[in-house]
Amino acid sequence: MMEVRRTIKYEADRVRGFSKEIMSVSGCDQLQSCIQCGTCSGTCPLSIYMDFSPRQVMALVRADFKNEVLASKTVWLCASCYACTVECPRKIRITDIMYALKQRAIKDGIYPRHFPIPILAKEFSEMVRRKGRITETLLVMRLFLKANWRAVLGSWRLGLGLIRTGRFVVRQEHIERQAELTAMLAAANQGNGKPKEAA
């Protein structure tokens, strides 16, 4: 028999204006039209692994429970399959909302600690921002060291084999026109993902 959990949310836990901030991101403006039908949760192939279902996330965001949403594993388990978005009767772009929540979680530093997915996303974007490309070996090493450094010790044989075969590349290359990429990323961040209107 399934255990029933009761979760009580308090008015004091709300962060006023959080839902409006999420709705200001491109593709997230339909959040308030959610009718809480649960279709998104029913179609999500990963909802059984989430601490909050997609329907619950929509309700929590609308109610301004920022910390609960951003600290949950739900937004990081979203596989971006768009099943929820396709099936939503109100045509809410739920996957876009999940992306907005991921970006906000990284920006505010509120995400599940020692959970590999947000660490991977943060390290990946930082590596691209600094060099314009990634080096898989360094990315995996940073992920292991920040998420589960003991796993590095347990993988020493694998690392040794990669070094012997020349596949353990630690030199990070960069793109030629790094300044252009930096300017482009800065412009995208300045507009919060929204395209600028023509004058």
C-alpha atoms as a PDB file:
ATOM      1  CA  MET A   1       0.000   0.000   0.000  1.00  0.00           C
ATOM      2  CA  MET A   2       1.269   3.455  -0.913  1.00  0.00           C
ATOM      3  CA  GLU A   3       2.169   5.762   1.966  1.00  0.00           C
ATOM      4  CA  VAL A   4       0.299   9.062   2.059  1.00  0.00           C
ATOM      5  CA  ARG A   5       2.484  12.079   2.824  1.00  0.00           C
ATOM      6  CA  ARG A   6       1.033  15.336   4.036  1.00  0.00           C
ATOM      7  CA  THR A   7       2.963  18.473   3.315  1.00  0.00           C
ATOM      8  CA  ILE A   8       1.931  21.743   4.895  1.00  0.00           C
ATOM      9  CA  LYS A   9       3.058  24.965   3.252  1.00  0.00           C
ATOM     10  CA  TYR A  10       3.072  28.199   5.215  1.00  0.00           C
ATOM     11  CA  GLU A  11       2.349  31.720   4.023  1.00  0.00           C
ATOM     12  CA  ALA A  12       5.685  32.861   5.484  1.00  0.00           C
ATOM     13  CA  ASP A  13       7.551  30.495   3.118  1.00  0.00           C
ATOM     14  CA  ARG A  14       6.317  32.335   0.037  1.00  0.00           C
ATOM     15  CA  VAL A  15       8.587  34.623  -1.976  1.00  0.00           C
ATOM     16  CA  ARG A  16       6.251  37.262  -3.347  1.00  0.00           C
ATOM     17  CA  GLY A  17       6.650  37.961  -7.051  1.00  0.00           C
ATOM     18  CA  PHE A  18       8.405  34.674  -7.879  1.00  0.00           C
ATOM     19  CA  SER A  19       5.629  33.511 -10.226  1.00  0.00           C
ATOM     20  CA  LYS A  20       5.705  36.866 -12.039  1.00  0.00           C
ATOM     21  CA  GLU A  21       9.473  36.560 -12.501  1.00  0.00           C
ATOM     22  CA  ILE A  22       9.075  33.094 -14.032  1.00  0.00           C
ATOM     23  CA  MET A  23       6.183  34.288 -16.209  1.00  0.00           C
ATOM     24  CA  SER A  24       8.376  37.109 -17.554  1.00  0.00           C
ATOM     25  CA  VAL A  25      10.664  34.537 -19.194  1.00  0.00           C
ATOM     26  CA  SER A  26       9.888  33.831 -22.845  1.00  0.00           C
ATOM     27  CA  GLY A  27       7.464  30.907 -23.222  1.00  0.00           C
ATOM     28  CA  CYS A  28       6.324  30.948 -19.590  1.00  0.00           C
ATOM     29  CA  ASP A  29       3.573  33.559 -19.773  1.00  0.00           C
ATOM     30  CA  GLN A  30       0.708  31.016 -19.708  1.00  0.00           C
ATOM     31  CA  LEU A  31       1.565  29.683 -16.231  1.00  0.00           C
ATOM     32  CA  GLN A  32      -1.481  31.262 -14.556  1.00  0.00           C
ATOM     33  CA  SER A  33      -3.879  29.543 -16.969  1.00  0.00           C
ATOM     34  CA  CYS A  34      -3.062  26.103 -15.498  1.00  0.00           C
ATOM     35  CA  ILE A  35      -6.274  24.346 -14.414  1.00  0.00           C
ATOM     36  CA  GLN A  36      -4.452  21.713 -12.316  1.00  0.00           C
ATOM     37  CA  CYS A  37      -5.910  18.827 -14.344  1.00  0.00           C
ATOM     38  CA  GLY A  38      -2.802  16.665 -13.861  1.00  0.00           C
ATOM     39  CA  THR A  39      -2.377  15.763 -17.534  1.00  0.00           C
ATOM     40  CA  CYS A  40       1.260  16.874 -17.371  1.00  0.00           C
ATOM     41  CA  SER A  41       1.958  14.526 -14.463  1.00  0.00           C
ATOM     42  CA  GLY A  42       0.095  11.677 -16.130  1.00  0.00           C
ATOM     43  CA  THR A  43       2.086  11.967 -19.357  1.00  0.00           C
ATOM     44  CA  CYS A  44       5.499  12.585 -17.764  1.00  0.00           C
ATOM     45  CA  PRO A  45       7.594   9.392 -18.010  1.00  0.00           C
ATOM     46  CA  LEU A  46       9.739  10.457 -15.040  1.00  0.00           C
ATOM     47  CA  SER A  47       7.076  11.750 -12.641  1.00  0.00           C
ATOM     48  CA  ILE A  48       7.335   8.618 -10.488  1.00  0.00           C
ATOM     49  CA  TYR A  49      10.916   9.607  -9.619  1.00  0.00           C
ATOM     50  CA  MET A  50      10.144  13.255  -8.832  1.00  0.00           C
ATOM     51  CA  ASP A  51       9.608  14.685  -5.372  1.00  0.00           C
ATOM     52  CA  PHE A  52       6.901  16.993  -6.794  1.00  0.00           C
ATOM     53  CA  SER A  53       4.891  16.074  -9.881  1.00  0.00           C
ATOM     54  CA  PRO A  54       4.808  18.603 -12.760  1.00  0.00           C
ATOM     55  CA  ARG A  55       1.262  19.558 -11.677  1.00  0.00           C
ATOM     56  CA  GLN A  56       2.496  20.243  -8.143  1.00  0.00           C
ATOM     57  CA  VAL A  57       5.402  22.304  -9.486  1.00  0.00           C
ATOM     58  CA  MET A  58       2.973  24.485 -11.461  1.00  0.00           C
ATOM     59  CA  ALA A  59       0.878  25.005  -8.302  1.00  0.00           C
ATOM     60  CA  LEU A  60       3.920  25.779  -6.142  1.00  0.00           C
ATOM     61  CA  VAL A  61       5.301  28.287  -8.654  1.00  0.00           C
ATOM     62  CA  ARG A  62       1.921  30.004  -8.967  1.00  0.00           C
ATOM     63  CA  ALA A  63       1.737  30.218  -5.165  1.00  0.00           C
ATOM     64  CA  ASP A  64       5.280  31.735  -5.006  1.00  0.00           C
ATOM     65  CA  PHE A  65       6.941  28.848  -3.127  1.00  0.00           C
ATOM     66  CA  LYS A  66      10.309  29.567  -4.718  1.00  0.00           C
ATOM     67  CA  ASN A  67      12.624  27.701  -2.347  1.00  0.00           C
ATOM     68  CA  GLU A  68      10.573  24.492  -2.355  1.00  0.00           C
ATOM     69  CA  VAL A  69      10.476  24.388  -6.155  1.00  0.00           C
ATOM     70  CA  LEU A  70      14.117  25.275  -6.781  1.00  0.00           C
ATOM     71  CA  ALA A  71      15.454  22.923  -4.087  1.00  0.00           C
ATOM     72  CA  SER A  72      13.458  19.987  -5.479  1.00  0.00           C
ATOM     73  CA  LYS A  73      14.825  17.360  -7.852  1.00  0.00           C
ATOM     74  CA  THR A  74      11.818  17.645 -10.157  1.00  0.00           C
ATOM     75  CA  VAL A  75      13.089  20.381 -12.477  1.00  0.00           C
ATOM     76  CA  TRP A  76      16.405  18.539 -12.872  1.00  0.00           C
ATOM     77  CA  LEU A  77      14.755  15.217 -13.704  1.00  0.00           C
ATOM     78  CA  CYS A  78      12.765  16.749 -16.568  1.00  0.00           C
ATOM     79  CA  ALA A  79      13.979  14.988 -19.719  1.00  0.00           C
ATOM     80  CA  SER A  80      12.635  17.711 -22.046  1.00  0.00           C
ATOM     81  CA  CYS A  81      10.539  15.173 -23.937  1.00  0.00           C
ATOM     82  CA  TYR A  82       7.736  17.768 -24.264  1.00  0.00           C
ATOM     83  CA  ALA A  83       5.008  15.170 -23.555  1.00  0.00           C
ATOM     84  CA  CYS A  84       3.499  17.504 -20.940  1.00  0.00           C
ATOM     85  CA  THR A  85       3.560  20.480 -23.299  1.00  0.00           C
ATOM     86  CA  VAL A  86       1.987  18.528 -26.174  1.00  0.00           C
ATOM     87  CA  GLU A  87      -0.827  17.092 -24.025  1.00  0.00           C
ATOM     88  CA  CYS A  88      -1.621  20.194 -21.942  1.00  0.00           C
ATOM     89  CA  PRO A  89      -5.237  21.240 -22.661  1.00  0.00           C
ATOM     90  CA  ARG A  90      -4.335  24.884 -21.919  1.00  0.00           C
ATOM     91  CA  LYS A  91      -1.269  24.782 -24.222  1.00  0.00           C
ATOM     92  CA  ILE A  92       1.083  25.757 -21.387  1.00  0.00           C
ATOM     93  CA  ARG A  93       4.730  25.315 -22.333  1.00  0.00           C
ATOM     94  CA  ILE A  94       5.609  23.356 -19.207  1.00  0.00           C
ATOM     95  CA  THR A  95       9.032  22.307 -20.490  1.00  0.00           C
ATOM     96  CA  ASP A  96       9.946  25.976 -21.008  1.00  0.00           C
ATOM     97  CA  ILE A  97       8.874  26.679 -17.430  1.00  0.00           C
ATOM     98  CA  MET A  98      11.127  23.830 -16.241  1.00  0.00           C
ATOM     99  CA  TYR A  99      14.051  25.383 -18.150  1.00  0.00           C
ATOM    100  CA  ALA A 100      13.308  28.784 -16.597  1.00  0.00           C
ATOM    101  CA  LEU A 101      13.296  27.172 -13.154  1.00  0.00           C
ATOM    102  CA  LYS A 102      16.651  25.475 -13.847  1.00  0.00           C
ATOM    103  CA  GLN A 103      18.182  28.786 -14.893  1.00  0.00           C
ATOM    104  CA  ARG A 104      16.791  30.514 -11.820  1.00  0.00           C
ATOM    105  CA  ALA A 105      18.030  27.722  -9.525  1.00  0.00           C
ATOM    106  CA  ILE A 106      21.574  28.055 -10.861  1.00  0.00           C
ATOM    107  CA  LYS A 107      21.428  31.855 -10.696  1.00  0.00           C
ATOM    108  CA  ASP A 108      20.218  31.851  -7.079  1.00  0.00           C
ATOM    109  CA  GLY A 109      22.292  28.832  -6.005  1.00  0.00           C
ATOM    110  CA  ILE A 110      19.204  26.969  -4.784  1.00  0.00           C
ATOM    111  CA  TYR A 111      19.267  23.364  -5.943  1.00  0.00           C
ATOM    112  CA  PRO A 112      19.669  19.908  -4.395  1.00  0.00           C
ATOM    113  CA  ARG A 113      23.227  19.553  -3.085  1.00  0.00           C
ATOM    114  CA  HIS A 114      25.325  16.602  -4.264  1.00  0.00           C
ATOM    115  CA  PHE A 115      22.718  15.885  -6.950  1.00  0.00           C
ATOM    116  CA  PRO A 116      24.691  15.522 -10.191  1.00  0.00           C
ATOM    117  CA  ILE A 117      22.369  17.102 -12.757  1.00  0.00           C
ATOM    118  CA  PRO A 118      22.487  20.756 -11.575  1.00  0.00           C
ATOM    119  CA  ILE A 119      26.231  20.466 -11.005  1.00  0.00           C
ATOM    120  CA  LEU A 120      26.689  19.106 -14.539  1.00  0.00           C
ATOM    121  CA  ALA A 121      24.554  21.909 -16.022  1.00  0.00           C
ATOM    122  CA  LYS A 122      26.459  24.576 -14.105  1.00  0.00           C
ATOM    123  CA  GLU A 123      29.906  23.196 -14.985  1.00  0.00           C
ATOM    124  CA  PHE A 124      28.912  22.688 -18.638  1.00  0.00           C
ATOM    125  CA  SER A 125      27.649  26.255 -19.067  1.00  0.00           C
ATOM    126  CA  GLU A 126      30.641  27.701 -17.213  1.00  0.00           C
ATOM    127  CA  MET A 127      33.073  25.771 -19.428  1.00  0.00           C
ATOM    128  CA  VAL A 128      31.295  26.939 -22.594  1.00  0.00           C
ATOM    129  CA  ARG A 129      31.184  30.527 -21.312  1.00  0.00           C
ATOM    130  CA  ARG A 130      34.915  30.585 -20.558  1.00  0.00           C
ATOM    131  CA  LYS A 131      36.321  28.628 -23.525  1.00  0.00           C
ATOM    132  CA  GLY A 132      33.518  28.289 -26.066  1.00  0.00           C
ATOM    133  CA  ARG A 133      33.623  24.482 -25.933  1.00  0.00           C
ATOM    134  CA  ILE A 134      33.873  21.652 -23.465  1.00  0.00           C
ATOM    135  CA  THR A 135      36.462  19.028 -22.681  1.00  0.00           C
ATOM    136  CA  GLU A 136      34.547  15.931 -21.612  1.00  0.00           C
ATOM    137  CA  THR A 137      37.301  14.617 -19.348  1.00  0.00           C
ATOM    138  CA  LEU A 138      37.503  17.842 -17.357  1.00  0.00           C
ATOM    139  CA  LEU A 139      33.732  18.118 -17.229  1.00  0.00           C
ATOM    140  CA  VAL A 140      33.346  14.607 -15.810  1.00  0.00           C
ATOM    141  CA  MET A 141      36.195  15.170 -13.343  1.00  0.00           C
ATOM    142  CA  ARG A 142      34.595  18.377 -12.054  1.00  0.00           C
ATOM    143  CA  LEU A 143      31.242  16.622 -11.790  1.00  0.00           C
ATOM    144  CA  PHE A 144      32.717  13.717  -9.828  1.00  0.00           C
ATOM    145  CA  LEU A 145      34.691  15.993  -7.515  1.00  0.00           C
ATOM    146  CA  LYS A 146      31.694  18.184  -6.697  1.00  0.00           C
ATOM    147  CA  ALA A 147      28.958  15.550  -6.613  1.00  0.00           C
ATOM    148  CA  ASN A 148      30.699  12.415  -5.359  1.00  0.00           C
ATOM    149  CA  TRP A 149      34.461  12.665  -4.948  1.00  0.00           C
ATOM    150  CA  ARG A 150      34.607   9.124  -3.562  1.00  0.00           C
ATOM    151  CA  ALA A 151      33.562   7.856  -6.996  1.00  0.00           C
ATOM    152  CA  VAL A 152      36.822   9.282  -8.389  1.00  0.00           C
ATOM    153  CA  LEU A 153      38.798   7.076  -6.029  1.00  0.00           C
ATOM    154  CA  GLY A 154      36.743   4.062  -7.064  1.00  0.00           C
ATOM    155  CA  SER A 155      37.335   4.797 -10.757  1.00  0.00           C
ATOM    156  CA  TRP A 156      41.130   4.963 -10.663  1.00  0.00           C
ATOM    157  CA  ARG A 157      41.522   1.865 -12.879  1.00  0.00           C
ATOM    158  CA  LEU A 158      39.274   3.368 -15.523  1.00  0.00           C
ATOM    159  CA  GLY A 159      41.262   6.617 -15.377  1.00  0.00           C
ATOM    160  CA  LEU A 160      44.546   4.748 -15.690  1.00  0.00           C
ATOM    161  CA  GLY A 161      43.248   2.887 -18.757  1.00  0.00           C
ATOM    162  CA  LEU A 162      42.149   6.169 -20.351  1.00  0.00           C
ATOM    163  CA  ILE A 163      45.571   7.710 -19.725  1.00  0.00           C
ATOM    164  CA  ARG A 164      47.356   4.705 -21.276  1.00  0.00           C
ATOM    165  CA  THR A 165      45.240   4.857 -24.438  1.00  0.00           C
ATOM    166  CA  GLY A 166      45.561   8.634 -24.781  1.00  0.00           C
ATOM    167  CA  ARG A 167      41.872   9.275 -24.189  1.00  0.00           C
ATOM    168  CA  PHE A 168      42.288  11.186 -20.945  1.00  0.00           C
ATOM    169  CA  VAL A 169      42.580  14.683 -22.399  1.00  0.00           C
ATOM    170  CA  VAL A 170      43.026  17.424 -19.817  1.00  0.00           C
ATOM    171  CA  ARG A 171      44.087  20.244 -22.128  1.00  0.00           C
ATOM    172  CA  GLN A 172      41.112  22.477 -22.738  1.00  0.00           C
ATOM    173  CA  GLU A 173      40.928  24.099 -26.155  1.00  0.00           C
ATOM    174  CA  HIS A 174      39.081  27.316 -26.872  1.00  0.00           C
ATOM    175  CA  ILE A 175      37.345  28.800 -29.883  1.00  0.00           C
ATOM    176  CA  GLU A 176      39.034  31.428 -32.023  1.00  0.00           C
ATOM    177  CA  ARG A 177      36.504  34.243 -31.626  1.00  0.00           C
ATOM    178  CA  GLN A 178      35.904  34.010 -27.891  1.00  0.00           C
ATOM    179  CA  ALA A 179      35.124  37.737 -27.551  1.00  0.00           C
ATOM    180  CA  GLU A 180      32.185  37.385 -29.962  1.00  0.00           C
ATOM    181  CA  LEU A 181      30.764  34.454 -28.003  1.00  0.00           C
ATOM    182  CA  THR A 182      31.135  36.368 -24.742  1.00  0.00           C
ATOM    183  CA  ALA A 183      29.291  39.368 -26.218  1.00  0.00           C
ATOM    184  CA  MET A 184      26.546  37.118 -27.591  1.00  0.00           C
ATOM    185  CA  LEU A 185      26.034  35.360 -24.235  1.00  0.00           C
ATOM    186  CA  ALA A 186      25.996  38.706 -22.403  1.00  0.00           C
ATOM    187  CA  ALA A 187      23.339  40.039 -24.794  1.00  0.00           C
ATOM    188  CA  ALA A 188      21.221  36.912 -24.315  1.00  0.00           C
ATOM    189  CA  ASN A 189      21.460  37.182 -20.523  1.00  0.00           C
ATOM    190  CA  GLN A 190      20.650  40.879 -20.571  1.00  0.00           C
ATOM    191  CA  GLY A 191      17.361  40.266 -22.366  1.00  0.00           C
ATOM    192  CA  ASN A 192      16.418  37.391 -20.016  1.00  0.00           C
ATOM    193  CA  GLY A 193      15.919  35.173 -23.043  1.00  0.00           C
ATOM    194  CA  LYS A 194      13.303  37.424 -24.632  1.00  0.00           C
ATOM    195  CA  PRO A 195      13.874  38.669 -28.178  1.00  0.00           C
ATOM    196  CA  LYS A 196      14.159  42.443 -28.418  1.00  0.00           C
ATOM    197  CA  GLU A 197      11.414  44.203 -30.303  1.00  0.00           C
ATOM    198  CA  ALA A 198      12.304  46.018 -33.499  1.00  0.00           C
ATOM    199  CA  ALA A 199      12.335  49.801 -33.277  1.00  0.00           C
END
